[in-house]
Amino acid sequence: MDEETCPVCLAPLQGGEAECPRCGFKLSGNTEGFKPYPVDRNAIVDALPSTHDATLQVVRGPRAGIIFKMAGDDLTIGRMPQCSIFLNDMTVSRLHATLKREGGAYIIHDENSFNGVWVNNCNVESKALRSGDFIQIGSFSLLYEEE
């Protein structure tokens, strides 16, 4: 019996699963409404493989508790599996936002998304992030922390 793997994170899959238990990728059909996804609070997902100096933690929404390590100068956030930070929910645009490191700080840029990017309850086109900022992207609420 051949073992199937997730096309996004390559985690092993059991037969008949609707989504990957590791990254949440929907394995078939259209994305539907969500319920909070039970996740180990200590689960870590690397946005890019290398050292990191900041994190984004999902504090509300699908996959609450997941922590994305931010590494590199340019990161993408969206519903496309190719994004650095993959948020698989129909409330998130395919390419929703980008994060660019400029002068030691990450700047979040809305990429003309349908639902916009909100930082600390303010809709923004572009904003330098500070430790403790809350970012709303679709149904995801993320806490930005610098290390």
N, C-alpha and C. Protein backbone atom coordinates (compact mmCIF):
# COMPACT_ATOMS: atom_id res chain seq x y z
N MET A 1 0.83 -1.19 0.00
CA MET A 1 0.00 0.00 0.00
C MET A 1 0.88 1.25 0.00
N ASP A 2 0.71 2.11 -1.00
CA ASP A 2 1.49 3.33 -1.09
C ASP A 2 0.98 4.35 -0.09
N GLU A 3 1.90 5.02 0.59
CA GLU A 3 1.52 6.06 1.54
C GLU A 3 1.37 7.37 0.79
N GLU A 4 0.24 8.06 1.02
CA GLU A 4 0.02 9.35 0.40
C GLU A 4 0.63 10.44 1.26
N THR A 5 1.02 11.54 0.59
CA THR A 5 1.57 12.68 1.32
C THR A 5 0.84 13.95 0.91
N CYS A 6 0.83 14.94 1.80
CA CYS A 6 0.23 16.23 1.54
C CYS A 6 1.02 16.94 0.44
N PRO A 7 0.36 17.54 -0.56
CA PRO A 7 1.08 18.23 -1.63
C PRO A 7 1.75 19.53 -1.17
N VAL A 8 1.39 20.03 0.02
CA VAL A 8 1.96 21.28 0.52
C VAL A 8 3.13 21.04 1.45
N CYS A 9 2.91 20.25 2.51
CA CYS A 9 3.97 20.08 3.53
C CYS A 9 4.61 18.70 3.50
N LEU A 10 4.11 17.80 2.64
CA LEU A 10 4.62 16.45 2.45
C LEU A 10 4.46 15.55 3.68
N ALA A 11 3.56 15.91 4.58
CA ALA A 11 3.29 15.07 5.75
C ALA A 11 2.56 13.81 5.30
N PRO A 12 2.78 12.66 5.95
CA PRO A 12 2.04 11.45 5.59
C PRO A 12 0.55 11.62 5.89
N LEU A 13 -0.29 11.02 5.03
CA LEU A 13 -1.75 11.13 5.17
C LEU A 13 -2.35 9.75 5.35
N GLN A 14 -3.40 9.69 6.13
CA GLN A 14 -4.21 8.48 6.26
C GLN A 14 -5.28 8.54 5.16
N GLY A 15 -5.76 7.43 4.71
CA GLY A 15 -6.78 7.40 3.66
C GLY A 15 -8.07 8.07 4.10
N GLY A 16 -8.69 8.83 3.21
CA GLY A 16 -9.99 9.42 3.46
C GLY A 16 -9.99 10.73 4.23
N GLU A 17 -8.82 11.30 4.53
CA GLU A 17 -8.78 12.57 5.26
C GLU A 17 -9.21 13.71 4.35
N ALA A 18 -9.98 14.65 4.90
CA ALA A 18 -10.44 15.80 4.13
C ALA A 18 -9.41 16.91 4.10
N GLU A 19 -8.53 16.95 5.11
CA GLU A 19 -7.48 17.97 5.15
C GLU A 19 -6.25 17.40 5.81
N CYS A 20 -5.12 18.01 5.52
CA CYS A 20 -3.86 17.57 6.10
C CYS A 20 -3.85 17.88 7.60
N PRO A 21 -3.54 16.90 8.45
CA PRO A 21 -3.53 17.17 9.89
C PRO A 21 -2.38 18.07 10.33
N ARG A 22 -1.35 18.22 9.49
CA ARG A 22 -0.21 19.06 9.86
C ARG A 22 -0.40 20.52 9.45
N CYS A 23 -0.74 20.77 8.18
CA CYS A 23 -0.81 22.16 7.71
C CYS A 23 -2.23 22.64 7.44
N GLY A 24 -3.21 21.73 7.44
CA GLY A 24 -4.60 22.13 7.24
C GLY A 24 -5.03 22.25 5.79
N PHE A 25 -4.16 21.90 4.83
CA PHE A 25 -4.52 22.00 3.42
C PHE A 25 -5.73 21.13 3.11
N LYS A 26 -6.75 21.71 2.44
CA LYS A 26 -7.94 20.97 2.03
C LYS A 26 -7.55 20.04 0.89
N LEU A 27 -7.82 18.75 1.07
CA LEU A 27 -7.35 17.76 0.11
C LEU A 27 -8.30 17.53 -1.05
N SER A 28 -9.56 17.93 -0.91
CA SER A 28 -10.48 17.78 -2.03
C SER A 28 -11.66 18.72 -1.85
N GLY A 29 -12.30 19.03 -2.96
CA GLY A 29 -13.49 19.87 -2.91
C GLY A 29 -13.16 21.33 -2.65
N ASN A 30 -14.23 22.13 -2.50
CA ASN A 30 -14.08 23.56 -2.25
C ASN A 30 -13.87 23.83 -0.77
N THR A 31 -13.17 24.88 -0.48
CA THR A 31 -13.01 25.28 0.90
C THR A 31 -14.35 25.75 1.44
N GLU A 32 -14.67 25.30 2.64
CA GLU A 32 -15.96 25.63 3.24
C GLU A 32 -15.73 26.50 4.46
N GLY A 33 -16.83 26.76 5.18
CA GLY A 33 -16.73 27.49 6.42
C GLY A 33 -15.80 26.77 7.38
N PHE A 34 -15.34 27.46 8.39
CA PHE A 34 -14.38 26.86 9.29
C PHE A 34 -14.90 26.79 10.71
N LYS A 35 -14.30 25.91 11.46
CA LYS A 35 -14.44 25.83 12.90
C LYS A 35 -13.02 25.93 13.44
N PRO A 36 -12.83 26.46 14.65
CA PRO A 36 -11.46 26.51 15.18
C PRO A 36 -10.81 25.13 15.11
N TYR A 37 -9.60 25.11 14.63
CA TYR A 37 -8.87 23.88 14.39
C TYR A 37 -8.06 23.52 15.63
N PRO A 38 -8.32 22.38 16.27
CA PRO A 38 -7.57 22.05 17.48
C PRO A 38 -6.12 21.72 17.13
N VAL A 39 -5.21 22.47 17.74
CA VAL A 39 -3.79 22.32 17.44
C VAL A 39 -3.01 22.36 18.74
N ASP A 40 -1.95 21.60 18.79
CA ASP A 40 -1.03 21.65 19.92
C ASP A 40 -0.49 23.07 20.03
N ARG A 41 -0.64 23.71 21.19
CA ARG A 41 -0.23 25.10 21.40
C ARG A 41 1.26 25.29 21.16
N ASN A 42 2.04 24.22 21.17
CA ASN A 42 3.48 24.34 20.97
C ASN A 42 3.89 24.04 19.53
N ALA A 43 2.90 23.85 18.63
CA ALA A 43 3.22 23.53 17.25
C ALA A 43 3.94 24.70 16.59
N ILE A 44 4.96 24.41 15.82
CA ILE A 44 5.76 25.43 15.15
C ILE A 44 5.78 25.10 13.66
N VAL A 45 5.60 26.13 12.82
CA VAL A 45 5.70 25.98 11.38
C VAL A 45 6.70 27.01 10.89
N ASP A 46 7.72 26.58 10.15
CA ASP A 46 8.70 27.52 9.60
C ASP A 46 8.13 28.18 8.35
N ALA A 47 8.15 29.51 8.31
CA ALA A 47 7.75 30.23 7.11
C ALA A 47 8.80 30.04 6.03
N LEU A 48 10.05 30.12 6.41
CA LEU A 48 11.17 29.84 5.51
C LEU A 48 12.25 29.17 6.34
N PRO A 49 12.98 28.22 5.77
CA PRO A 49 14.00 27.52 6.55
C PRO A 49 15.26 28.38 6.75
N SER A 50 15.47 28.87 7.94
CA SER A 50 16.69 29.57 8.35
C SER A 50 16.42 30.19 9.71
N THR A 51 17.37 30.97 10.20
CA THR A 51 17.16 31.60 11.49
C THR A 51 16.04 32.63 11.37
N HIS A 52 15.44 32.98 12.51
CA HIS A 52 14.34 33.93 12.49
C HIS A 52 14.51 34.93 13.61
N ASP A 53 13.86 36.07 13.47
CA ASP A 53 13.92 37.08 14.51
C ASP A 53 12.54 37.59 14.89
N ALA A 54 11.50 37.03 14.28
CA ALA A 54 10.13 37.41 14.60
C ALA A 54 9.21 36.23 14.32
N THR A 55 8.03 36.27 14.93
CA THR A 55 7.04 35.22 14.73
C THR A 55 5.66 35.83 14.54
N LEU A 56 4.81 35.06 13.89
CA LEU A 56 3.38 35.35 13.80
C LEU A 56 2.67 34.14 14.40
N GLN A 57 1.86 34.38 15.43
CA GLN A 57 1.11 33.29 16.06
C GLN A 57 -0.36 33.48 15.78
N VAL A 58 -1.01 32.41 15.31
CA VAL A 58 -2.45 32.45 15.10
C VAL A 58 -3.11 32.39 16.48
N VAL A 59 -3.77 33.48 16.87
CA VAL A 59 -4.40 33.52 18.18
C VAL A 59 -5.91 33.36 18.12
N ARG A 60 -6.48 33.51 16.92
CA ARG A 60 -7.91 33.29 16.75
C ARG A 60 -8.17 32.89 15.31
N GLY A 61 -9.07 31.94 15.12
CA GLY A 61 -9.41 31.47 13.79
C GLY A 61 -8.91 30.06 13.56
N PRO A 62 -8.95 29.63 12.30
CA PRO A 62 -8.48 28.28 11.99
C PRO A 62 -7.03 28.10 12.42
N ARG A 63 -6.75 26.94 12.99
CA ARG A 63 -5.39 26.56 13.38
C ARG A 63 -4.82 27.44 14.49
N ALA A 64 -5.68 27.92 15.39
CA ALA A 64 -5.21 28.75 16.51
C ALA A 64 -4.10 28.02 17.26
N GLY A 65 -3.05 28.75 17.59
CA GLY A 65 -1.91 28.20 18.31
C GLY A 65 -0.69 27.98 17.44
N ILE A 66 -0.86 27.88 16.14
CA ILE A 66 0.28 27.68 15.24
C ILE A 66 1.16 28.93 15.27
N ILE A 67 2.46 28.72 15.28
CA ILE A 67 3.42 29.83 15.26
C ILE A 67 4.24 29.72 13.98
N PHE A 68 4.24 30.80 13.20
CA PHE A 68 5.06 30.87 12.00
C PHE A 68 6.33 31.63 12.33
N LYS A 69 7.49 30.99 12.13
CA LYS A 69 8.77 31.67 12.28
C LYS A 69 9.02 32.49 11.02
N MET A 70 9.31 33.76 11.20
CA MET A 70 9.56 34.62 10.05
C MET A 70 11.06 34.69 9.81
N ALA A 71 11.46 34.37 8.60
CA ALA A 71 12.86 34.41 8.24
C ALA A 71 12.96 34.90 6.79
N GLY A 72 13.95 35.67 6.53
CA GLY A 72 14.13 36.19 5.18
C GLY A 72 13.61 37.62 5.09
N ASP A 73 13.86 38.24 3.95
CA ASP A 73 13.49 39.64 3.76
C ASP A 73 12.13 39.82 3.11
N ASP A 74 11.65 38.85 2.35
CA ASP A 74 10.37 38.96 1.66
C ASP A 74 9.55 37.70 1.91
N LEU A 75 8.37 37.88 2.50
CA LEU A 75 7.46 36.77 2.77
C LEU A 75 6.11 37.09 2.16
N THR A 76 5.39 36.04 1.76
CA THR A 76 4.05 36.21 1.24
C THR A 76 3.06 35.53 2.18
N ILE A 77 1.86 36.10 2.27
CA ILE A 77 0.79 35.55 3.09
C ILE A 77 -0.42 35.38 2.20
N GLY A 78 -1.02 34.18 2.21
CA GLY A 78 -2.20 34.00 1.39
C GLY A 78 -2.71 32.58 1.37
N ARG A 79 -3.72 32.37 0.54
CA ARG A 79 -4.39 31.09 0.41
C ARG A 79 -3.71 30.17 -0.60
N MET A 80 -2.75 30.68 -1.36
CA MET A 80 -2.01 29.83 -2.30
C MET A 80 -1.02 28.99 -1.51
N PRO A 81 -0.97 27.68 -1.77
CA PRO A 81 0.00 26.84 -1.05
C PRO A 81 1.45 27.30 -1.22
N GLN A 82 1.75 28.06 -2.27
CA GLN A 82 3.10 28.52 -2.51
C GLN A 82 3.49 29.69 -1.61
N CYS A 83 2.55 30.28 -0.89
CA CYS A 83 2.87 31.41 -0.02
C CYS A 83 3.76 30.97 1.13
N SER A 84 4.62 31.86 1.57
CA SER A 84 5.50 31.58 2.71
C SER A 84 4.67 31.25 3.95
N ILE A 85 3.59 32.01 4.16
CA ILE A 85 2.67 31.77 5.27
C ILE A 85 1.33 31.43 4.64
N PHE A 86 1.01 30.14 4.65
CA PHE A 86 -0.16 29.59 3.97
C PHE A 86 -1.34 29.59 4.94
N LEU A 87 -2.39 30.38 4.62
CA LEU A 87 -3.60 30.45 5.44
C LEU A 87 -4.76 29.95 4.59
N ASN A 88 -5.12 28.70 4.77
CA ASN A 88 -6.09 28.04 3.91
C ASN A 88 -7.51 28.29 4.39
N ASP A 89 -8.09 29.39 3.94
CA ASP A 89 -9.48 29.73 4.28
C ASP A 89 -9.99 30.67 3.20
N MET A 90 -11.26 30.54 2.84
CA MET A 90 -11.83 31.35 1.75
C MET A 90 -11.94 32.83 2.11
N THR A 91 -11.74 33.22 3.36
CA THR A 91 -11.75 34.63 3.73
C THR A 91 -10.40 35.30 3.45
N VAL A 92 -9.42 34.50 3.03
CA VAL A 92 -8.08 34.98 2.72
C VAL A 92 -7.89 34.96 1.20
N SER A 93 -7.39 36.06 0.65
CA SER A 93 -7.12 36.12 -0.79
C SER A 93 -5.93 35.22 -1.14
N ARG A 94 -5.87 34.82 -2.42
CA ARG A 94 -4.77 33.94 -2.84
C ARG A 94 -3.42 34.53 -2.46
N LEU A 95 -3.17 35.78 -2.82
CA LEU A 95 -2.01 36.53 -2.35
C LEU A 95 -2.59 37.71 -1.59
N HIS A 96 -2.66 37.59 -0.29
CA HIS A 96 -3.36 38.57 0.55
C HIS A 96 -2.43 39.72 0.95
N ALA A 97 -1.22 39.39 1.39
CA ALA A 97 -0.30 40.42 1.88
C ALA A 97 1.14 39.96 1.70
N THR A 98 2.04 40.92 1.75
CA THR A 98 3.46 40.61 1.76
C THR A 98 4.09 41.26 2.99
N LEU A 99 5.15 40.64 3.46
CA LEU A 99 5.96 41.18 4.55
C LEU A 99 7.34 41.41 3.99
N LYS A 100 7.86 42.62 4.13
CA LYS A 100 9.19 42.95 3.63
C LYS A 100 9.99 43.53 4.79
N ARG A 101 11.20 43.01 4.95
CA ARG A 101 12.07 43.55 5.98
C ARG A 101 12.77 44.78 5.40
N GLU A 102 12.57 45.91 6.07
CA GLU A 102 13.19 47.17 5.65
C GLU A 102 13.78 47.84 6.88
N GLY A 103 15.08 48.05 6.87
CA GLY A 103 15.74 48.73 7.98
C GLY A 103 15.56 48.05 9.32
N GLY A 104 15.55 46.72 9.32
CA GLY A 104 15.43 45.99 10.58
C GLY A 104 14.00 45.76 11.05
N ALA A 105 13.01 46.28 10.34
CA ALA A 105 11.60 46.08 10.72
C ALA A 105 10.86 45.39 9.59
N TYR A 106 9.83 44.63 9.94
CA TYR A 106 8.96 44.05 8.92
C TYR A 106 7.83 45.04 8.62
N ILE A 107 7.60 45.26 7.33
CA ILE A 107 6.51 46.11 6.87
C ILE A 107 5.49 45.19 6.21
N ILE A 108 4.22 45.28 6.64
CA ILE A 108 3.17 44.48 6.00
C ILE A 108 2.50 45.33 4.94
N HIS A 109 2.27 44.74 3.77
CA HIS A 109 1.65 45.43 2.64
C HIS A 109 0.43 44.63 2.19
N ASP A 110 -0.71 45.29 2.09
CA ASP A 110 -1.91 44.67 1.54
C ASP A 110 -1.70 44.54 0.03
N GLU A 111 -1.93 43.36 -0.50
CA GLU A 111 -1.75 43.11 -1.94
C GLU A 111 -3.09 43.16 -2.66
N ASN A 112 -3.85 44.24 -2.39
CA ASN A 112 -5.15 44.44 -3.02
C ASN A 112 -6.10 43.29 -2.69
N SER A 113 -6.07 42.85 -1.44
CA SER A 113 -6.89 41.73 -1.00
C SER A 113 -8.36 42.13 -0.90
N PHE A 114 -9.23 41.14 -0.94
CA PHE A 114 -10.66 41.39 -0.88
C PHE A 114 -11.10 41.91 0.49
N ASN A 115 -10.61 41.30 1.56
CA ASN A 115 -11.02 41.67 2.92
C ASN A 115 -10.08 42.64 3.62
N GLY A 116 -8.99 42.99 2.99
CA GLY A 116 -8.06 43.96 3.56
C GLY A 116 -7.15 43.36 4.63
N VAL A 117 -6.22 44.19 5.07
CA VAL A 117 -5.29 43.85 6.15
C VAL A 117 -5.56 44.84 7.28
N TRP A 118 -5.73 44.32 8.46
CA TRP A 118 -6.04 45.14 9.63
C TRP A 118 -4.92 44.95 10.65
N VAL A 119 -4.39 46.04 11.15
CA VAL A 119 -3.38 46.01 12.21
C VAL A 119 -3.93 46.80 13.39
N ASN A 120 -4.07 46.12 14.51
CA ASN A 120 -4.62 46.74 15.72
C ASN A 120 -5.96 47.43 15.43
N ASN A 121 -6.82 46.72 14.70
CA ASN A 121 -8.18 47.16 14.35
C ASN A 121 -8.24 48.34 13.39
N CYS A 122 -7.15 48.65 12.70
CA CYS A 122 -7.14 49.71 11.69
C CYS A 122 -6.80 49.10 10.34
N ASN A 123 -7.63 49.39 9.33
CA ASN A 123 -7.36 48.91 7.98
C ASN A 123 -6.15 49.65 7.43
N VAL A 124 -5.16 48.89 6.93
CA VAL A 124 -3.93 49.51 6.45
C VAL A 124 -3.58 49.01 5.05
N GLU A 125 -2.93 49.87 4.30
CA GLU A 125 -2.34 49.45 3.02
C GLU A 125 -0.91 48.99 3.24
N SER A 126 -0.22 49.66 4.17
CA SER A 126 1.16 49.36 4.49
C SER A 126 1.43 49.87 5.89
N LYS A 127 2.16 49.07 6.70
CA LYS A 127 2.44 49.49 8.07
C LYS A 127 3.65 48.74 8.60
N ALA A 128 4.54 49.48 9.29
CA ALA A 128 5.67 48.86 9.98
C ALA A 128 5.12 48.17 11.22
N LEU A 129 5.51 46.91 11.42
CA LEU A 129 5.01 46.14 12.56
C LEU A 129 5.90 46.33 13.77
N ARG A 130 5.26 46.33 14.95
CA ARG A 130 5.97 46.38 16.22
C ARG A 130 5.54 45.18 17.05
N SER A 131 6.42 44.72 17.89
CA SER A 131 6.11 43.58 18.74
C SER A 131 4.83 43.84 19.51
N GLY A 132 3.93 42.86 19.50
CA GLY A 132 2.64 42.98 20.17
C GLY A 132 1.50 43.41 19.27
N ASP A 133 1.78 43.74 18.00
CA ASP A 133 0.72 44.11 17.06
C ASP A 133 -0.16 42.91 16.75
N PHE A 134 -1.48 43.17 16.62
CA PHE A 134 -2.43 42.15 16.18
C PHE A 134 -2.78 42.42 14.73
N ILE A 135 -2.67 41.39 13.90
CA ILE A 135 -2.94 41.49 12.47
C ILE A 135 -4.15 40.62 12.17
N GLN A 136 -5.14 41.18 11.47
CA GLN A 136 -6.32 40.43 11.06
C GLN A 136 -6.23 40.23 9.55
N ILE A 137 -6.20 38.97 9.14
CA ILE A 137 -6.20 38.60 7.72
C ILE A 137 -7.32 37.59 7.55
N GLY A 138 -8.41 38.01 6.93
CA GLY A 138 -9.58 37.15 6.82
C GLY A 138 -10.04 36.75 8.21
N SER A 139 -10.28 35.47 8.42
CA SER A 139 -10.75 35.00 9.72
C SER A 139 -9.60 34.69 10.69
N PHE A 140 -8.37 35.00 10.29
CA PHE A 140 -7.20 34.76 11.13
C PHE A 140 -6.81 36.02 11.90
N SER A 141 -6.59 35.90 13.18
CA SER A 141 -6.02 36.96 13.99
C SER A 141 -4.64 36.47 14.42
N LEU A 142 -3.62 37.26 14.07
CA LEU A 142 -2.23 36.87 14.29
C LEU A 142 -1.55 37.86 15.22
N LEU A 143 -0.74 37.35 16.12
CA LEU A 143 0.05 38.19 17.01
C LEU A 143 1.48 38.23 16.49
N TYR A 144 1.98 39.44 16.25
CA TYR A 144 3.36 39.63 15.78
C TYR A 144 4.25 39.84 16.99
N GLU A 145 5.31 39.06 17.10
CA GLU A 145 6.26 39.19 18.20
C GLU A 145 7.68 39.18 17.66
N GLU A 146 8.49 40.11 18.15
CA GLU A 146 9.91 40.12 17.80
C GLU A 146 10.67 39.42 18.90
N GLU A 147 11.72 38.70 18.51
CA GLU A 147 12.52 37.97 19.50
C GLU A 147 13.84 38.64 19.75
